[in-house]
N, C-alpha and C. Protein backbone atom coordinates (compact mmCIF):
# COMPACT_ATOMS: atom_id res chain seq x y z
N MET A 1 14.01 -50.62 38.63
CA MET A 1 14.40 -50.17 39.91
C MET A 1 13.01 -50.16 40.89
N THR A 2 12.97 -50.37 41.86
CA THR A 2 11.73 -50.75 42.45
C THR A 2 11.23 -49.32 42.93
N PRO A 3 9.78 -48.74 43.16
CA PRO A 3 9.40 -47.95 43.62
C PRO A 3 9.93 -47.28 45.10
N THR A 4 10.62 -48.26 45.97
CA THR A 4 11.03 -47.74 47.06
C THR A 4 12.56 -47.49 46.59
N SER A 5 13.07 -47.98 46.16
CA SER A 5 14.13 -47.65 45.69
C SER A 5 14.28 -46.24 45.00
N ILE A 6 13.39 -45.80 44.19
CA ILE A 6 13.07 -44.66 43.55
C ILE A 6 13.12 -43.34 44.52
N ILE A 7 12.22 -43.96 46.05
CA ILE A 7 12.00 -42.82 46.70
C ILE A 7 13.50 -42.56 47.59
N ILE A 8 14.24 -44.04 47.92
CA ILE A 8 15.55 -43.62 48.42
C ILE A 8 16.37 -42.65 47.37
N VAL A 9 16.44 -42.65 46.47
CA VAL A 9 17.21 -42.05 45.31
C VAL A 9 16.85 -40.50 45.45
N LEU A 10 15.46 -40.26 45.44
CA LEU A 10 15.22 -38.76 44.79
C LEU A 10 15.50 -38.03 46.42
N VAL A 11 15.71 -39.10 47.72
CA VAL A 11 15.73 -38.38 49.23
C VAL A 11 17.44 -38.42 48.98
N ALA A 12 18.41 -39.29 48.78
CA ALA A 12 19.53 -39.21 48.96
C ALA A 12 20.64 -38.64 47.97
N ALA A 13 19.70 -38.36 47.03
CA ALA A 13 20.79 -38.06 46.09
C ALA A 13 21.44 -36.44 46.15
N PRO A 14 20.16 -35.84 46.49
CA PRO A 14 20.37 -34.04 46.72
C PRO A 14 21.17 -33.92 48.28
N ALA A 15 21.40 -34.84 48.71
CA ALA A 15 22.10 -34.76 50.42
C ALA A 15 23.64 -35.15 49.91
N ILE A 16 23.51 -36.01 49.11
CA ILE A 16 24.91 -36.46 48.50
C ILE A 16 25.54 -35.60 47.94
N VAL A 17 25.28 -35.06 46.50
CA VAL A 17 25.11 -33.97 45.58
C VAL A 17 25.91 -32.69 46.65
N LEU A 18 24.93 -32.52 47.45
CA LEU A 18 25.02 -30.85 48.10
C LEU A 18 26.23 -30.88 49.31
N THR A 19 26.45 -32.84 49.66
CA THR A 19 27.70 -32.80 50.43
C THR A 19 28.51 -32.65 49.79
N LEU A 20 29.02 -33.35 48.87
CA LEU A 20 30.24 -33.39 48.09
C LEU A 20 30.45 -32.23 47.64
N LEU A 21 29.25 -31.03 47.21
CA LEU A 21 30.06 -30.05 46.80
C LEU A 21 30.01 -28.96 47.53
N ARG A 22 29.93 -29.25 49.17
CA ARG A 22 29.89 -28.45 50.07
C ARG A 22 28.87 -27.15 49.89
N ALA A 23 27.78 -27.76 49.03
CA ALA A 23 27.08 -25.80 48.76
C ALA A 23 26.25 -25.93 50.54
N ASN A 24 26.08 -24.77 50.45
CA ASN A 24 24.81 -24.31 51.38
C ASN A 24 23.64 -25.04 51.35
N SER A 25 23.31 -26.32 52.03
CA SER A 25 21.74 -26.70 52.06
C SER A 25 20.76 -25.81 52.29
N THR A 26 21.11 -24.72 53.42
CA THR A 26 19.83 -24.12 54.08
C THR A 26 19.61 -23.35 52.40
N LEU A 27 20.12 -22.58 52.14
CA LEU A 27 20.03 -21.74 50.97
C LEU A 27 19.39 -22.52 49.74
N VAL A 28 19.58 -23.54 49.65
CA VAL A 28 19.16 -24.70 48.43
C VAL A 28 17.56 -25.23 49.05
N PHE A 29 17.41 -25.42 50.20
CA PHE A 29 16.08 -25.63 51.08
C PHE A 29 14.96 -24.09 50.96
N LEU A 30 15.67 -23.35 50.95
CA LEU A 30 14.89 -22.07 50.76
C LEU A 30 14.70 -21.84 49.52
N SER A 31 15.45 -22.05 48.38
CA SER A 31 15.10 -22.34 47.14
C SER A 31 14.08 -23.08 46.37
N LEU A 32 14.12 -24.42 47.34
CA LEU A 32 13.10 -24.95 46.91
C LEU A 32 11.68 -24.65 47.68
N CYS A 33 11.56 -23.58 48.29
CA CYS A 33 10.16 -22.98 48.69
C CYS A 33 10.12 -22.07 47.82
N LEU A 34 11.18 -21.36 47.35
CA LEU A 34 11.03 -19.87 46.43
C LEU A 34 10.32 -20.75 45.03
N GLY A 35 10.74 -22.17 44.18
CA GLY A 35 10.29 -22.82 43.25
C GLY A 35 8.72 -23.22 43.68
N GLN A 36 8.40 -23.55 44.48
CA GLN A 36 7.02 -23.90 45.10
C GLN A 36 5.99 -22.67 44.66
N VAL A 37 6.60 -21.90 45.29
CA VAL A 37 6.01 -20.63 44.96
C VAL A 37 5.62 -19.65 43.85
N LEU A 38 6.98 -20.12 42.84
CA LEU A 38 6.87 -19.72 41.51
C LEU A 38 6.07 -21.05 40.89
N VAL A 39 5.70 -22.49 41.30
CA VAL A 39 4.88 -23.38 40.52
C VAL A 39 3.49 -22.49 41.23
N GLN A 40 3.25 -22.48 42.19
CA GLN A 40 1.78 -22.09 42.64
C GLN A 40 1.18 -20.68 42.18
N PHE A 41 2.14 -20.07 41.94
CA PHE A 41 1.56 -18.80 41.50
C PHE A 41 1.99 -18.67 39.72
N ALA A 42 2.96 -18.95 39.10
CA ALA A 42 3.37 -18.71 37.71
C ALA A 42 3.29 -19.86 36.94
N GLY A 43 2.86 -20.86 37.54
CA GLY A 43 2.98 -22.17 37.05
C GLY A 43 2.30 -22.51 35.86
N GLU A 44 0.76 -21.73 35.30
CA GLU A 44 0.18 -22.16 34.41
C GLU A 44 0.76 -20.79 33.26
N GLU A 45 1.02 -19.77 33.79
CA GLU A 45 1.65 -18.97 32.50
C GLU A 45 2.52 -18.74 31.93
N ALA A 46 3.31 -19.95 33.13
CA ALA A 46 5.04 -20.32 32.28
C ALA A 46 4.85 -21.10 31.15
N ALA A 47 3.73 -22.07 31.75
CA ALA A 47 3.18 -23.24 30.51
C ALA A 47 2.96 -22.55 29.27
N LYS A 48 2.17 -21.70 29.38
CA LYS A 48 1.54 -21.21 28.56
C LYS A 48 2.37 -20.25 27.66
N THR A 49 3.62 -19.47 28.04
CA THR A 49 4.35 -18.73 27.21
C THR A 49 5.28 -20.11 26.55
N VAL A 50 5.97 -20.91 27.61
CA VAL A 50 6.79 -21.97 27.00
C VAL A 50 5.66 -22.50 25.59
N GLY A 51 4.32 -22.94 26.04
CA GLY A 51 3.82 -23.10 24.47
C GLY A 51 3.85 -22.13 23.05
N ILE A 52 3.70 -20.70 23.80
CA ILE A 52 4.13 -20.22 22.55
C ILE A 52 5.15 -19.81 21.99
N ILE A 53 6.15 -20.32 23.10
CA ILE A 53 7.94 -20.06 22.46
C ILE A 53 8.09 -21.07 21.46
N ALA A 54 7.43 -22.50 21.43
CA ALA A 54 7.60 -23.70 21.15
C ALA A 54 6.87 -23.79 19.92
N SER A 55 6.12 -22.64 19.66
CA SER A 55 5.12 -22.85 18.26
C SER A 55 4.47 -23.70 18.30
N ASN A 56 3.89 -24.68 19.12
CA ASN A 56 3.26 -25.71 19.06
C ASN A 56 1.86 -25.31 20.27
N GLY A 57 1.65 -24.07 20.60
CA GLY A 57 0.96 -24.00 21.31
C GLY A 57 0.47 -24.89 22.41
N SER A 58 1.09 -26.39 22.84
CA SER A 58 0.80 -27.06 24.03
C SER A 58 2.39 -27.36 24.55
N THR A 59 1.90 -27.44 25.98
CA THR A 59 2.91 -27.88 26.62
C THR A 59 2.64 -29.00 27.74
N ASN A 60 3.84 -29.43 28.21
CA ASN A 60 2.90 -30.23 29.67
C ASN A 60 3.24 -29.48 30.65
N GLN A 61 2.49 -28.92 31.11
CA GLN A 61 2.83 -27.90 32.30
C GLN A 61 3.45 -28.94 33.62
N SER A 62 2.91 -29.89 33.98
CA SER A 62 3.72 -30.49 34.89
C SER A 62 5.10 -30.51 34.81
N LEU A 63 5.83 -31.27 33.28
CA LEU A 63 7.35 -30.49 33.11
C LEU A 63 7.74 -29.01 33.22
N VAL A 64 7.01 -28.20 32.71
CA VAL A 64 7.18 -26.62 33.20
C VAL A 64 7.01 -26.55 34.64
N SER A 65 6.32 -26.92 35.46
CA SER A 65 6.21 -26.77 36.48
C SER A 65 7.13 -27.66 37.78
N LEU A 66 7.65 -28.74 36.83
CA LEU A 66 8.91 -29.08 38.01
C LEU A 66 10.04 -28.45 37.36
N GLY A 67 10.15 -27.80 36.26
CA GLY A 67 11.46 -27.14 36.18
C GLY A 67 11.23 -25.49 36.76
N LEU A 68 10.29 -24.86 37.32
CA LEU A 68 10.20 -24.07 38.14
C LEU A 68 10.54 -24.42 39.10
N LEU A 69 9.87 -25.38 39.94
CA LEU A 69 10.47 -25.74 41.45
C LEU A 69 11.91 -26.14 41.34
N LEU A 70 12.37 -26.49 40.39
CA LEU A 70 13.98 -27.02 40.90
C LEU A 70 14.82 -26.49 40.44
N ILE A 71 14.72 -25.13 39.19
CA ILE A 71 15.63 -24.53 38.57
C ILE A 71 15.95 -23.49 39.98
N PRO A 72 15.14 -22.92 40.29
CA PRO A 72 16.13 -22.21 41.63
C PRO A 72 17.04 -22.80 42.60
N ALA A 73 16.67 -24.11 42.98
CA ALA A 73 17.43 -24.98 43.97
C ALA A 73 18.87 -25.71 42.66
N ILE A 74 18.76 -25.40 41.60
CA ILE A 74 19.96 -26.37 40.88
C ILE A 74 20.72 -24.97 40.51
N PHE A 75 20.56 -23.51 40.16
CA PHE A 75 20.87 -22.70 40.62
C PHE A 75 21.59 -22.37 41.68
N THR A 76 20.94 -22.31 43.03
CA THR A 76 21.60 -21.74 43.86
C THR A 76 22.58 -23.21 44.14
N THR A 77 22.45 -24.38 44.47
CA THR A 77 23.83 -25.08 44.16
C THR A 77 24.72 -24.83 43.45
N LEU A 78 24.74 -24.67 42.26
CA LEU A 78 26.04 -23.84 41.64
C LEU A 78 26.65 -22.75 42.08
N PHE A 79 25.66 -22.45 42.57
CA PHE A 79 26.33 -20.85 43.11
C PHE A 79 27.12 -20.72 44.65
N MET A 80 26.36 -21.40 45.07
CA MET A 80 27.09 -22.00 46.50
C MET A 80 28.01 -22.94 46.83
N MET A 81 28.72 -23.54 45.18
CA MET A 81 29.65 -24.73 45.69
C MET A 81 30.78 -24.13 45.94
N ARG A 82 31.16 -24.84 47.33
CA ARG A 82 32.16 -24.74 47.91
C ARG A 82 32.20 -23.75 49.25
N THR A 83 31.39 -23.28 49.53
CA THR A 83 30.59 -22.08 50.32
C THR A 83 31.03 -22.78 51.57
N VAL A 84 30.61 -23.83 51.94
CA VAL A 84 30.88 -24.37 53.41
C VAL A 84 31.96 -25.15 53.67
N THR A 85 32.82 -24.54 54.27
CA THR A 85 34.17 -24.92 54.83
C THR A 85 34.11 -25.60 56.56
N GLY A 86 35.15 -26.23 56.33
CA GLY A 86 35.60 -27.11 57.73
C GLY A 86 34.74 -28.22 58.18
N ASN A 87 35.17 -29.12 58.48
CA ASN A 87 34.53 -30.58 58.60
C ASN A 87 33.15 -30.11 59.58
N PHE A 88 33.51 -29.16 60.47
CA PHE A 88 32.30 -28.98 61.67
C PHE A 88 30.97 -28.51 60.42
N ARG A 89 30.84 -27.60 60.17
CA ARG A 89 30.28 -27.05 59.41
C ARG A 89 29.52 -27.66 58.17
N LEU A 90 30.30 -28.67 57.75
CA LEU A 90 29.67 -29.57 56.70
C LEU A 90 29.04 -30.53 57.56
N ALA A 91 29.42 -31.21 58.51
CA ALA A 91 28.69 -32.06 59.37
C ALA A 91 27.25 -31.18 59.71
N LEU A 92 27.11 -29.84 59.93
CA LEU A 92 26.12 -29.59 60.36
C LEU A 92 25.10 -29.39 58.79
N ASN A 93 25.86 -29.16 57.93
CA ASN A 93 25.31 -29.09 56.63
C ASN A 93 24.44 -30.46 56.12
N ILE A 94 24.76 -31.39 56.74
CA ILE A 94 24.14 -32.95 56.17
C ILE A 94 22.79 -32.78 56.43
N LEU A 95 21.93 -32.34 57.74
CA LEU A 95 20.55 -32.37 58.12
C LEU A 95 19.86 -31.63 56.88
N PRO A 96 20.36 -30.70 56.76
CA PRO A 96 19.43 -29.89 55.59
C PRO A 96 19.64 -30.08 54.64
N ALA A 97 20.91 -31.00 54.54
CA ALA A 97 20.86 -31.32 53.00
C ALA A 97 19.71 -32.67 52.70
N ILE A 98 19.66 -33.38 53.86
CA ILE A 98 18.85 -34.61 53.50
C ILE A 98 17.26 -33.96 53.29
N SER A 99 16.99 -32.88 54.36
CA SER A 99 15.58 -32.07 54.13
C SER A 99 15.34 -31.49 53.40
N VAL A 100 16.73 -31.27 52.28
CA VAL A 100 16.23 -30.57 50.75
C VAL A 100 16.15 -32.01 49.81
N GLY A 101 16.35 -33.18 50.07
CA GLY A 101 15.64 -33.90 49.35
C GLY A 101 14.20 -34.53 50.05
N VAL A 102 13.95 -34.68 50.93
CA VAL A 102 12.41 -35.07 51.62
C VAL A 102 11.26 -33.96 51.03
N LEU A 103 11.72 -32.53 51.19
CA LEU A 103 10.90 -31.52 51.02
C LEU A 103 11.16 -31.20 48.96
N GLY A 104 12.03 -31.44 48.35
CA GLY A 104 12.36 -31.89 47.13
C GLY A 104 10.93 -32.76 46.28
N LEU A 105 11.37 -34.18 47.25
CA LEU A 105 10.31 -35.48 46.93
C LEU A 105 9.01 -34.75 47.03
N LEU A 106 8.61 -34.14 48.19
CA LEU A 106 7.46 -34.16 48.58
C LEU A 106 6.86 -32.80 47.90
N LEU A 107 7.58 -32.14 47.10
CA LEU A 107 7.15 -31.15 46.25
C LEU A 107 6.47 -31.56 44.93
N ALA A 108 7.68 -32.28 44.39
CA ALA A 108 7.88 -32.56 43.34
C ALA A 108 6.99 -34.01 42.82
N GLU A 109 6.56 -34.58 44.02
CA GLU A 109 5.55 -35.88 43.37
C GLU A 109 4.41 -35.90 42.77
N PRO A 110 3.74 -34.18 43.42
CA PRO A 110 2.54 -34.05 42.60
C PRO A 110 2.28 -33.82 40.79
N LEU A 111 4.02 -33.41 40.55
CA LEU A 111 3.77 -33.20 39.55
C LEU A 111 4.67 -33.90 38.44
N PHE A 112 4.75 -35.38 39.19
CA PHE A 112 5.26 -36.64 37.87
C PHE A 112 4.13 -37.08 37.24
N SER A 113 4.55 -37.79 36.49
CA SER A 113 3.79 -38.62 35.67
C SER A 113 2.77 -39.36 36.69
N ALA A 114 1.72 -39.86 35.56
CA ALA A 114 0.47 -40.89 36.30
C ALA A 114 1.14 -42.00 37.07
N GLY A 115 2.19 -42.37 35.80
CA GLY A 115 2.47 -43.99 36.15
C GLY A 115 3.77 -43.80 37.13
N LEU A 116 4.46 -43.00 37.65
CA LEU A 116 5.24 -42.83 38.77
C LEU A 116 4.69 -42.54 39.81
N ARG A 117 4.06 -41.64 39.87
CA ARG A 117 2.56 -41.57 41.09
C ARG A 117 2.07 -43.06 41.62
N GLY A 118 1.59 -43.15 40.75
CA GLY A 118 0.90 -44.64 40.64
C GLY A 118 2.08 -45.64 41.28
N ALA A 119 2.93 -45.62 40.89
CA ALA A 119 4.13 -46.68 41.47
C ALA A 119 4.71 -46.27 42.99
N ILE A 120 4.80 -45.03 43.07
CA ILE A 120 5.06 -44.63 44.25
C ILE A 120 4.18 -44.48 45.58
N GLU A 121 2.95 -43.99 45.09
CA GLU A 121 2.30 -43.66 46.46
C GLU A 121 1.53 -45.08 47.12
N PRO A 122 1.83 -46.11 46.88
CA PRO A 122 1.41 -47.30 47.35
C PRO A 122 2.34 -48.25 48.49
N THR A 123 3.71 -47.31 47.78
CA THR A 123 4.44 -47.92 48.66
C THR A 123 5.07 -47.60 50.30
N GLU A 124 5.37 -48.82 51.17
CA GLU A 124 5.62 -48.04 52.34
C GLU A 124 6.44 -46.73 52.95
N ALA A 125 7.30 -46.76 51.91
CA ALA A 125 8.51 -45.72 52.20
C ALA A 125 8.04 -44.35 51.45
N TRP A 126 6.83 -43.99 50.71
CA TRP A 126 6.00 -42.97 50.59
C TRP A 126 4.91 -42.84 51.78
N HIS A 127 4.65 -43.79 52.42
CA HIS A 127 3.74 -43.61 53.30
C HIS A 127 4.61 -42.93 54.59
N MET A 128 5.77 -43.43 54.81
CA MET A 128 6.37 -42.99 56.23
C MET A 128 7.00 -41.71 55.38
N VAL A 129 6.71 -41.01 54.48
CA VAL A 129 7.43 -39.79 54.09
C VAL A 129 6.44 -38.89 54.40
N GLN A 130 5.44 -39.26 54.06
CA GLN A 130 4.05 -38.59 54.26
C GLN A 130 3.53 -38.27 55.39
N LYS A 131 4.00 -39.30 56.55
CA LYS A 131 3.55 -39.15 58.01
C LYS A 131 4.31 -38.35 58.33
N THR A 132 5.73 -38.09 58.02
CA THR A 132 6.59 -37.85 58.99
C THR A 132 6.56 -35.85 57.85
N GLN A 133 6.05 -35.62 57.03
CA GLN A 133 6.19 -34.34 56.37
C GLN A 133 5.86 -33.04 57.24
N VAL A 134 4.74 -33.22 58.22
CA VAL A 134 4.91 -31.86 58.61
C VAL A 134 6.02 -31.72 59.96
N ILE A 135 6.38 -32.93 60.41
CA ILE A 135 7.70 -32.40 61.45
C ILE A 135 8.87 -32.04 60.66
N VAL A 136 8.85 -32.92 59.18
CA VAL A 136 10.24 -32.49 58.33
C VAL A 136 10.59 -31.19 58.16
N ILE A 137 9.08 -30.55 57.47
CA ILE A 137 9.48 -29.65 56.77
C ILE A 137 9.21 -28.51 58.19
N THR A 138 8.62 -28.65 59.21
CA THR A 138 8.81 -27.53 60.57
C THR A 138 10.25 -27.29 61.01
N ALA A 139 10.81 -28.64 60.85
CA ALA A 139 12.11 -28.93 61.68
C ALA A 139 13.20 -28.27 60.69
N SER A 140 12.87 -28.60 59.52
CA SER A 140 13.83 -28.25 58.65
C SER A 140 13.70 -26.47 58.32
N ALA A 141 12.58 -25.94 58.25
CA ALA A 141 12.44 -24.48 58.40
C ALA A 141 12.95 -23.78 59.62
N ILE A 142 12.57 -24.20 60.55
CA ILE A 142 13.55 -23.79 62.06
C ILE A 142 14.97 -24.08 61.63
N LEU A 143 15.46 -24.93 61.48
CA LEU A 143 16.86 -25.38 61.24
C LEU A 143 17.57 -24.35 60.12
N SER A 144 16.81 -24.17 58.87
CA SER A 144 17.22 -23.25 58.47
C SER A 144 17.39 -21.95 58.41
N LEU A 145 16.32 -21.76 59.64
CA LEU A 145 16.65 -20.12 60.05
C LEU A 145 17.51 -19.77 60.92
N PHE A 146 17.79 -20.89 61.78
CA PHE A 146 18.87 -21.11 62.74
C PHE A 146 20.14 -20.99 62.07
N PHE A 147 20.48 -21.70 60.85
CA PHE A 147 21.57 -21.77 60.14
C PHE A 147 21.88 -20.27 59.65
N LEU A 148 21.24 -19.76 58.95
CA LEU A 148 20.87 -18.48 58.57
C LEU A 148 21.34 -17.15 59.62
N TRP A 149 20.96 -17.52 60.36
CA TRP A 149 21.25 -16.55 61.76
C TRP A 149 22.74 -16.50 62.26
N LEU A 150 22.77 -18.09 62.30
CA LEU A 150 24.35 -18.07 62.49
C LEU A 150 25.56 -17.96 61.71
N GLN A 151 24.93 -17.68 60.12
CA GLN A 151 25.70 -17.11 59.34
C GLN A 151 26.19 -15.45 59.13
N ARG A 152 25.54 -14.72 60.07
CA ARG A 152 25.36 -13.51 59.99
C ARG A 152 26.81 -13.23 60.79
N PRO A 153 27.42 -12.04 59.90
CA PRO A 153 28.92 -11.06 60.08
C PRO A 153 29.18 -10.99 61.36
N MET A 154 30.06 -11.31 61.88
CA MET A 154 30.40 -10.99 63.30
C MET A 154 30.43 -9.53 63.38
N PRO A 155 30.20 -8.81 64.41
CA PRO A 155 30.73 -7.20 64.96
C PRO A 155 31.80 -6.85 64.96
N HIS A 156 32.68 -5.91 63.88
CA HIS A 156 34.00 -5.95 64.41
C HIS A 156 34.18 -4.67 65.60
N LYS A 157 35.27 -5.36 66.19
CA LYS A 157 35.64 -5.18 67.68
C LYS A 157 36.89 -4.26 67.75
N GLU A 158 36.43 -2.86 68.24
CA GLU A 158 37.40 -1.80 68.06
C GLU A 158 38.78 -2.25 68.54
N GLY A 159 39.50 -1.73 68.41
CA GLY A 159 40.83 -2.00 68.74
C GLY A 159 41.77 -3.25 68.39
N LYS A 160 41.24 -4.05 67.47
CA LYS A 160 41.39 -5.07 66.95
C LYS A 160 41.94 -5.33 65.41
N HIS A 161 42.86 -4.79 65.26
CA HIS A 161 43.38 -4.92 63.32
C HIS A 161 44.19 -5.82 63.09
N ARG A 162 43.48 -6.25 62.00
CA ARG A 162 44.48 -7.84 61.42
C ARG A 162 45.71 -6.61 60.37
N LYS A 163 46.52 -7.51 60.46
CA LYS A 163 47.86 -7.38 59.82
C LYS A 163 47.93 -8.03 58.56
């Protein structure tokens, strides 16, 4: 598999999975953000704890950090399956689903093995992803907030009762 195809798969796979499972991509995007916070503030301690539990005292911190990054998004995907109803909402869900793939790649790439990073980084596709990262992340964050605001419950109207 070529490095460019790896990048395409890493971006497209989450988008396809989220669309097929009809999971709320906005919440998965925000779960990836939470995962990054966990990696940043709890990554080293989590690796030490895993090392103690594994009884060998050493662990691969990159793997533990990758787990901290992805586990919130994976569980959010599982809990949010079939929460996007209707074809219009499903179509709207595709854009945040693509941004989950891009953000996931951007956040996970530093945690990859040196060999995988060395294969990905010189490609034109990776340079394109890096060039657009500010725009993609900013637009995705704004879009996620917008979708969250749209999901608020509608106020109950007086005088109209459901039977």
